[in-house]
Amino acid sequence: MLEPIRDQAAGLCAWHWRAPLRVLAVVASERTDAALELLWWLRRGYADWGLDSRVIEGAPERWGEDAELADVWLWHAPAAAVAAWWPAAGGHPLVALRAEPAALVDGYRSLKHLRRAGFAPIAVALSAPASHVEGPDPALAAACAALARTCQRHLQWAPAIWTLGYDDAVGATPTEAVLARLLDAAWTLDLTGDEEAAAPSC
């Protein structure tokens, strides 16, 4: 599975890339824009840190053709594509979650697909803006609890669920602690320019 990615990594080395490059897989939502909202907040949050990010589409074998240089790549792809291409030791794919029925169904389906493919995806719960909800969002908390129970019942596994919140005091940016944890969950491509070291590593 990794051969096309190794070939692509060698191609990226020719760009004299600064190592490491972090790649986050954001699973596409089927019937909602939850994943697009997650991508938007990730780009905004990392930009506040001075990190340049790019959303990339398509299979990894095309990344060198389509993707622009960045500090962080956000791979937006369906769960089936992530399950087929994501390396087993490549961090954790991200599944966006909102407190609405369609988003819960999409989230559960994606988590189930990835879990059965051998991955440990992370559910990223998107909270309402602080100006609309005081304190923890009760609807989102209930949705997260329901998702965890469903996964435990049917998959004998419950995903990590991290809440990406908003803070009006800092311009409604996502919480920095979760942004940092998500980067830690990324797949790190250590592209050093050495042909033997060109294979992706975590």
C-alpha atoms as a PDB file:
ATOM      1  CA  MET A   1       0.000   0.000   0.000  1.00  0.00           C
ATOM      2  CA  LEU A   2       2.819   2.408   0.818  1.00  0.00           C
ATOM      3  CA  GLU A   3       4.801   2.043  -2.430  1.00  0.00           C
ATOM      4  CA  PRO A   4       2.986   4.881  -4.274  1.00  0.00           C
ATOM      5  CA  ILE A   5       3.393   7.068  -1.183  1.00  0.00           C
ATOM      6  CA  ARG A   6       7.118   6.297  -0.953  1.00  0.00           C
ATOM      7  CA  ASP A   7       7.491   7.203  -4.620  1.00  0.00           C
ATOM      8  CA  GLN A   8       5.632  10.428  -4.007  1.00  0.00           C
ATOM      9  CA  ALA A   9       7.741  11.188  -0.943  1.00  0.00           C
ATOM     10  CA  ALA A  10      10.861  10.881  -3.078  1.00  0.00           C
ATOM     11  CA  GLY A  11       9.312  13.339  -5.512  1.00  0.00           C
ATOM     12  CA  LEU A  12       8.570  15.766  -2.713  1.00  0.00           C
ATOM     13  CA  CYS A  13      12.192  15.633  -1.637  1.00  0.00           C
ATOM     14  CA  ALA A  14      13.101  17.085  -5.015  1.00  0.00           C
ATOM     15  CA  TRP A  15      11.241  20.235  -3.931  1.00  0.00           C
ATOM     16  CA  HIS A  16      13.824  20.628  -1.118  1.00  0.00           C
ATOM     17  CA  TRP A  17      11.015  20.400   1.405  1.00  0.00           C
ATOM     18  CA  ARG A  18      11.725  21.387   4.982  1.00  0.00           C
ATOM     19  CA  ALA A  19      11.033  18.421   7.249  1.00  0.00           C
ATOM     20  CA  PRO A  20       8.799  17.384   8.807  1.00  0.00           C
ATOM     21  CA  LEU A  21       5.531  17.794   6.929  1.00  0.00           C
ATOM     22  CA  ARG A  22       2.409  16.986   8.913  1.00  0.00           C
ATOM     23  CA  VAL A  23      -0.618  15.446   7.215  1.00  0.00           C
ATOM     24  CA  LEU A  24      -4.054  15.338   8.835  1.00  0.00           C
ATOM     25  CA  ALA A  25      -6.761  13.201   7.252  1.00  0.00           C
ATOM     26  CA  VAL A  26     -10.179  14.855   7.581  1.00  0.00           C
ATOM     27  CA  VAL A  27     -12.894  12.402   6.590  1.00  0.00           C
ATOM     28  CA  ALA A  28     -15.454  13.896   4.218  1.00  0.00           C
ATOM     29  CA  SER A  29     -19.029  14.131   5.512  1.00  0.00           C
ATOM     30  CA  GLU A  30     -21.667  12.542   3.308  1.00  0.00           C
ATOM     31  CA  ARG A  31     -24.709  14.699   4.035  1.00  0.00           C
ATOM     32  CA  THR A  32     -23.496  17.704   6.044  1.00  0.00           C
ATOM     33  CA  ASP A  33     -20.765  20.321   5.854  1.00  0.00           C
ATOM     34  CA  ALA A  34     -19.268  19.316   9.220  1.00  0.00           C
ATOM     35  CA  ALA A  35     -15.964  18.228   7.664  1.00  0.00           C
ATOM     36  CA  LEU A  36     -15.745  21.478   5.702  1.00  0.00           C
ATOM     37  CA  GLU A  37     -16.326  23.420   8.900  1.00  0.00           C
ATOM     38  CA  LEU A  38     -13.552  21.448  10.600  1.00  0.00           C
ATOM     39  CA  LEU A  39     -11.187  22.178   7.715  1.00  0.00           C
ATOM     40  CA  TRP A  40     -12.011  25.887   7.914  1.00  0.00           C
ATOM     41  CA  TRP A  41     -11.311  26.062  11.633  1.00  0.00           C
ATOM     42  CA  LEU A  42      -8.094  24.051  11.341  1.00  0.00           C
ATOM     43  CA  ARG A  43      -6.793  26.383   8.630  1.00  0.00           C
ATOM     44  CA  ARG A  44      -7.716  29.454  10.650  1.00  0.00           C
ATOM     45  CA  GLY A  45      -6.311  28.084  13.879  1.00  0.00           C
ATOM     46  CA  TYR A  46      -2.970  27.026  12.398  1.00  0.00           C
ATOM     47  CA  ALA A  47      -2.691  30.319  10.519  1.00  0.00           C
ATOM     48  CA  ASP A  48      -2.864  32.052  13.899  1.00  0.00           C
ATOM     49  CA  TRP A  49       0.214  30.024  14.844  1.00  0.00           C
ATOM     50  CA  GLY A  50       2.038  31.092  11.701  1.00  0.00           C
ATOM     51  CA  LEU A  51       1.615  27.684  10.064  1.00  0.00           C
ATOM     52  CA  ASP A  52       0.600  27.525   6.424  1.00  0.00           C
ATOM     53  CA  SER A  53      -1.914  24.794   5.638  1.00  0.00           C
ATOM     54  CA  ARG A  54      -3.429  23.472   2.427  1.00  0.00           C
ATOM     55  CA  VAL A  55      -6.463  21.314   1.778  1.00  0.00           C
ATOM     56  CA  ILE A  56      -5.594  18.493  -0.613  1.00  0.00           C
ATOM     57  CA  GLU A  57      -7.880  16.088  -2.433  1.00  0.00           C
ATOM     58  CA  GLY A  58      -7.400  12.837  -4.299  1.00  0.00           C
ATOM     59  CA  ALA A  59      -5.242   9.776  -3.703  1.00  0.00           C
ATOM     60  CA  PRO A  60      -1.728  10.262  -2.280  1.00  0.00           C
ATOM     61  CA  GLU A  61      -0.179   9.243  -5.594  1.00  0.00           C
ATOM     62  CA  ARG A  62      -1.400  12.600  -6.963  1.00  0.00           C
ATOM     63  CA  TRP A  63      -0.324  14.804  -4.077  1.00  0.00           C
ATOM     64  CA  GLY A  64       2.912  15.907  -5.722  1.00  0.00           C
ATOM     65  CA  GLU A  65       0.984  17.065  -8.783  1.00  0.00           C
ATOM     66  CA  ASP A  66      -1.875  18.866  -7.072  1.00  0.00           C
ATOM     67  CA  ALA A  67      -0.710  20.001  -3.643  1.00  0.00           C
ATOM     68  CA  GLU A  68       0.982  23.298  -2.887  1.00  0.00           C
ATOM     69  CA  LEU A  69       3.818  23.688  -0.413  1.00  0.00           C
ATOM     70  CA  ALA A  70       2.659  24.108   3.186  1.00  0.00           C
ATOM     71  CA  ASP A  71       3.523  23.300   6.795  1.00  0.00           C
ATOM     72  CA  VAL A  72       0.384  21.183   7.205  1.00  0.00           C
ATOM     73  CA  TRP A  73      -1.611  19.276   4.624  1.00  0.00           C
ATOM     74  CA  LEU A  74      -5.281  18.632   5.376  1.00  0.00           C
ATOM     75  CA  TRP A  75      -6.309  15.637   3.301  1.00  0.00           C
ATOM     76  CA  HIS A  76     -10.073  15.788   2.716  1.00  0.00           C
ATOM     77  CA  ALA A  77     -11.253  12.379   1.522  1.00  0.00           C
ATOM     78  CA  PRO A  78     -14.081   9.854   1.990  1.00  0.00           C
ATOM     79  CA  ALA A  79     -13.685   7.228   4.690  1.00  0.00           C
ATOM     80  CA  ALA A  80     -13.167   4.493   2.076  1.00  0.00           C
ATOM     81  CA  ALA A  81     -10.255   6.384   0.508  1.00  0.00           C
ATOM     82  CA  VAL A  82      -8.666   7.057   3.888  1.00  0.00           C
ATOM     83  CA  ALA A  83      -9.021   3.390   4.839  1.00  0.00           C
ATOM     84  CA  ALA A  84      -7.399   2.333   1.559  1.00  0.00           C
ATOM     85  CA  TRP A  85      -4.472   4.766   1.586  1.00  0.00           C
ATOM     86  CA  TRP A  86      -3.697   5.863   5.130  1.00  0.00           C
ATOM     87  CA  PRO A  87      -0.663   4.064   6.615  1.00  0.00           C
ATOM     88  CA  ALA A  88      -1.349   1.910   9.657  1.00  0.00           C
ATOM     89  CA  ALA A  89       1.200   3.849  11.730  1.00  0.00           C
ATOM     90  CA  GLY A  90       0.208   7.212  10.278  1.00  0.00           C
ATOM     91  CA  GLY A  91      -1.496   8.921  13.165  1.00  0.00           C
ATOM     92  CA  HIS A  92      -5.257   9.143  13.479  1.00  0.00           C
ATOM     93  CA  PRO A  93      -7.835  10.138  10.849  1.00  0.00           C
ATOM     94  CA  LEU A  94     -10.242  12.863  12.010  1.00  0.00           C
ATOM     95  CA  VAL A  95     -14.036  12.612  11.837  1.00  0.00           C
ATOM     96  CA  ALA A  96     -16.023  15.826  12.323  1.00  0.00           C
ATOM     97  CA  LEU A  97     -19.025  15.712  14.625  1.00  0.00           C
ATOM     98  CA  ARG A  98     -21.837  18.183  15.260  1.00  0.00           C
ATOM     99  CA  ALA A  99     -24.943  18.024  17.419  1.00  0.00           C
ATOM    100  CA  GLU A 100     -27.342  17.242  14.589  1.00  0.00           C
ATOM    101  CA  PRO A 101     -28.795  13.895  13.477  1.00  0.00           C
ATOM    102  CA  ALA A 102     -27.264  13.799   9.971  1.00  0.00           C
ATOM    103  CA  ALA A 103     -23.803  14.645  11.315  1.00  0.00           C
ATOM    104  CA  LEU A 104     -24.111  11.941  13.982  1.00  0.00           C
ATOM    105  CA  VAL A 105     -25.067   9.330  11.403  1.00  0.00           C
ATOM    106  CA  ASP A 106     -22.233  10.399   9.085  1.00  0.00           C
ATOM    107  CA  GLY A 107     -19.784  10.402  11.975  1.00  0.00           C
ATOM    108  CA  TYR A 108     -20.763   6.932  13.157  1.00  0.00           C
ATOM    109  CA  ARG A 109     -20.554   5.467   9.642  1.00  0.00           C
ATOM    110  CA  SER A 110     -17.083   6.929   9.110  1.00  0.00           C
ATOM    111  CA  LEU A 111     -15.839   5.795  12.509  1.00  0.00           C
ATOM    112  CA  LYS A 112     -17.201   2.283  11.909  1.00  0.00           C
ATOM    113  CA  HIS A 113     -15.573   2.043   8.474  1.00  0.00           C
ATOM    114  CA  LEU A 114     -12.194   3.206   9.750  1.00  0.00           C
ATOM    115  CA  ARG A 115     -12.295   1.097  12.903  1.00  0.00           C
ATOM    116  CA  ARG A 116     -13.104  -2.063  10.942  1.00  0.00           C
ATOM    117  CA  ALA A 117     -10.164  -1.217   8.677  1.00  0.00           C
ATOM    118  CA  GLY A 118      -7.871  -1.287  11.716  1.00  0.00           C
ATOM    119  CA  PHE A 119      -7.572   2.431  12.519  1.00  0.00           C
ATOM    120  CA  ALA A 120      -8.227   4.411  15.692  1.00  0.00           C
ATOM    121  CA  PRO A 121      -9.908   7.548  14.349  1.00  0.00           C
ATOM    122  CA  ILE A 122     -10.571  10.607  16.492  1.00  0.00           C
ATOM    123  CA  ALA A 123     -13.976  12.299  16.547  1.00  0.00           C
ATOM    124  CA  VAL A 124     -13.642  16.083  16.593  1.00  0.00           C
ATOM    125  CA  ALA A 125     -16.777  17.637  18.073  1.00  0.00           C
ATOM    126  CA  LEU A 126     -17.478  21.164  16.834  1.00  0.00           C
ATOM    127  CA  SER A 127     -19.067  23.307  19.524  1.00  0.00           C
ATOM    128  CA  ALA A 128     -21.363  26.244  19.017  1.00  0.00           C
ATOM    129  CA  PRO A 129     -19.862  29.745  19.275  1.00  0.00           C
ATOM    130  CA  ALA A 130     -19.519  30.959  22.834  1.00  0.00           C
ATOM    131  CA  SER A 131     -21.860  33.858  22.110  1.00  0.00           C
ATOM    132  CA  HIS A 132     -24.688  31.354  21.504  1.00  0.00           C
ATOM    133  CA  VAL A 133     -24.032  28.923  24.340  1.00  0.00           C
ATOM    134  CA  GLU A 134     -22.791  29.715  27.848  1.00  0.00           C
ATOM    135  CA  GLY A 135     -20.536  27.023  29.251  1.00  0.00           C
ATOM    136  CA  PRO A 136     -20.371  23.520  27.758  1.00  0.00           C
ATOM    137  CA  ASP A 137     -22.774  22.915  24.882  1.00  0.00           C
ATOM    138  CA  PRO A 138     -25.356  20.460  26.345  1.00  0.00           C
ATOM    139  CA  ALA A 139     -26.594  19.329  22.925  1.00  0.00           C
ATOM    140  CA  LEU A 140     -23.055  18.531  21.802  1.00  0.00           C
ATOM    141  CA  ALA A 141     -22.273  16.740  25.063  1.00  0.00           C
ATOM    142  CA  ALA A 142     -25.368  14.583  24.593  1.00  0.00           C
ATOM    143  CA  ALA A 143     -24.420  13.854  20.973  1.00  0.00           C
ATOM    144  CA  CYS A 144     -20.900  12.814  21.980  1.00  0.00           C
ATOM    145  CA  ALA A 145     -22.233  10.549  24.726  1.00  0.00           C
ATOM    146  CA  ALA A 146     -24.712   8.947  22.323  1.00  0.00           C
ATOM    147  CA  LEU A 147     -21.979   8.359  19.742  1.00  0.00           C
ATOM    148  CA  ALA A 148     -19.662   6.812  22.331  1.00  0.00           C
ATOM    149  CA  ARG A 149     -22.435   4.469  23.553  1.00  0.00           C
ATOM    150  CA  THR A 150     -23.314   3.419  20.008  1.00  0.00           C
ATOM    151  CA  CYS A 151     -19.696   2.679  19.143  1.00  0.00           C
ATOM    152  CA  GLN A 152     -19.200   0.735  22.362  1.00  0.00           C
ATOM    153  CA  ARG A 153     -22.349  -1.300  21.775  1.00  0.00           C
ATOM    154  CA  HIS A 154     -21.814  -2.152  18.128  1.00  0.00           C
ATOM    155  CA  LEU A 155     -18.031  -1.952  17.698  1.00  0.00           C
ATOM    156  CA  GLN A 156     -16.877  -2.831  21.231  1.00  0.00           C
ATOM    157  CA  TRP A 157     -14.778   0.330  21.010  1.00  0.00           C
ATOM    158  CA  ALA A 158     -15.324   3.977  21.830  1.00  0.00           C
ATOM    159  CA  PRO A 159     -13.418   6.695  19.930  1.00  0.00           C
ATOM    160  CA  ALA A 160     -11.475   9.522  21.478  1.00  0.00           C
ATOM    161  CA  ILE A 161     -13.712  12.586  21.193  1.00  0.00           C
ATOM    162  CA  TRP A 162     -12.027  15.976  21.337  1.00  0.00           C
ATOM    163  CA  THR A 163     -14.092  19.153  21.380  1.00  0.00           C
ATOM    164  CA  LEU A 164     -12.944  22.039  19.253  1.00  0.00           C
ATOM    165  CA  GLY A 165     -14.356  25.077  21.008  1.00  0.00           C
ATOM    166  CA  TYR A 166     -14.508  28.775  20.400  1.00  0.00           C
ATOM    167  CA  ASP A 167     -13.290  31.663  22.529  1.00  0.00           C
ATOM    168  CA  ASP A 168     -14.652  35.133  21.881  1.00  0.00           C
ATOM    169  CA  ALA A 169     -11.820  36.649  23.905  1.00  0.00           C
ATOM    170  CA  VAL A 170      -9.315  35.622  21.241  1.00  0.00           C
ATOM    171  CA  GLY A 171     -11.364  36.317  18.144  1.00  0.00           C
ATOM    172  CA  ALA A 172     -13.444  33.114  18.128  1.00  0.00           C
ATOM    173  CA  THR A 173     -10.477  30.887  17.309  1.00  0.00           C
ATOM    174  CA  PRO A 174     -10.421  27.162  18.093  1.00  0.00           C
ATOM    175  CA  THR A 175      -8.963  26.135  21.431  1.00  0.00           C
ATOM    176  CA  GLU A 176      -5.186  25.926  21.169  1.00  0.00           C
ATOM    177  CA  ALA A 177      -4.836  22.802  23.289  1.00  0.00           C
ATOM    178  CA  VAL A 178      -6.972  20.770  20.879  1.00  0.00           C
ATOM    179  CA  LEU A 179      -5.160  22.205  17.860  1.00  0.00           C
ATOM    180  CA  ALA A 180      -1.877  21.064  19.393  1.00  0.00           C
ATOM    181  CA  ARG A 181      -3.238  17.588  20.145  1.00  0.00           C
ATOM    182  CA  LEU A 182      -4.499  17.275  16.579  1.00  0.00           C
ATOM    183  CA  LEU A 183      -1.034  18.084  15.232  1.00  0.00           C
ATOM    184  CA  ASP A 184       0.350  15.399  17.535  1.00  0.00           C
ATOM    185  CA  ALA A 185      -2.148  12.985  15.926  1.00  0.00           C
ATOM    186  CA  ALA A 186      -0.933  13.828  12.428  1.00  0.00           C
ATOM    187  CA  TRP A 187       1.035  11.598  10.083  1.00  0.00           C
ATOM    188  CA  THR A 188       4.544  13.051   9.898  1.00  0.00           C
ATOM    189  CA  LEU A 189       6.451  12.805   6.639  1.00  0.00           C
ATOM    190  CA  ASP A 190      10.136  13.180   7.445  1.00  0.00           C
ATOM    191  CA  LEU A 191      11.466  14.196   4.045  1.00  0.00           C
ATOM    192  CA  THR A 192      15.177  14.791   4.407  1.00  0.00           C
ATOM    193  CA  GLY A 193      16.355  14.533   0.803  1.00  0.00           C
ATOM    194  CA  ASP A 194      18.152  11.247   1.560  1.00  0.00           C
ATOM    195  CA  GLU A 195      16.815   8.590  -0.790  1.00  0.00           C
ATOM    196  CA  GLU A 196      16.858   5.943   1.936  1.00  0.00           C
ATOM    197  CA  ALA A 197      15.021   8.268   4.329  1.00  0.00           C
ATOM    198  CA  ALA A 198      12.422   9.303   1.792  1.00  0.00           C
ATOM    199  CA  ALA A 199       9.815   6.858   3.060  1.00  0.00           C
ATOM    200  CA  PRO A 200       7.177   8.440   5.306  1.00  0.00           C
ATOM    201  CA  SER A 201       7.740   7.933   8.992  1.00  0.00           C
ATOM    202  CA  CYS A 202       5.817   8.739  12.141  1.00  0.00           C
END
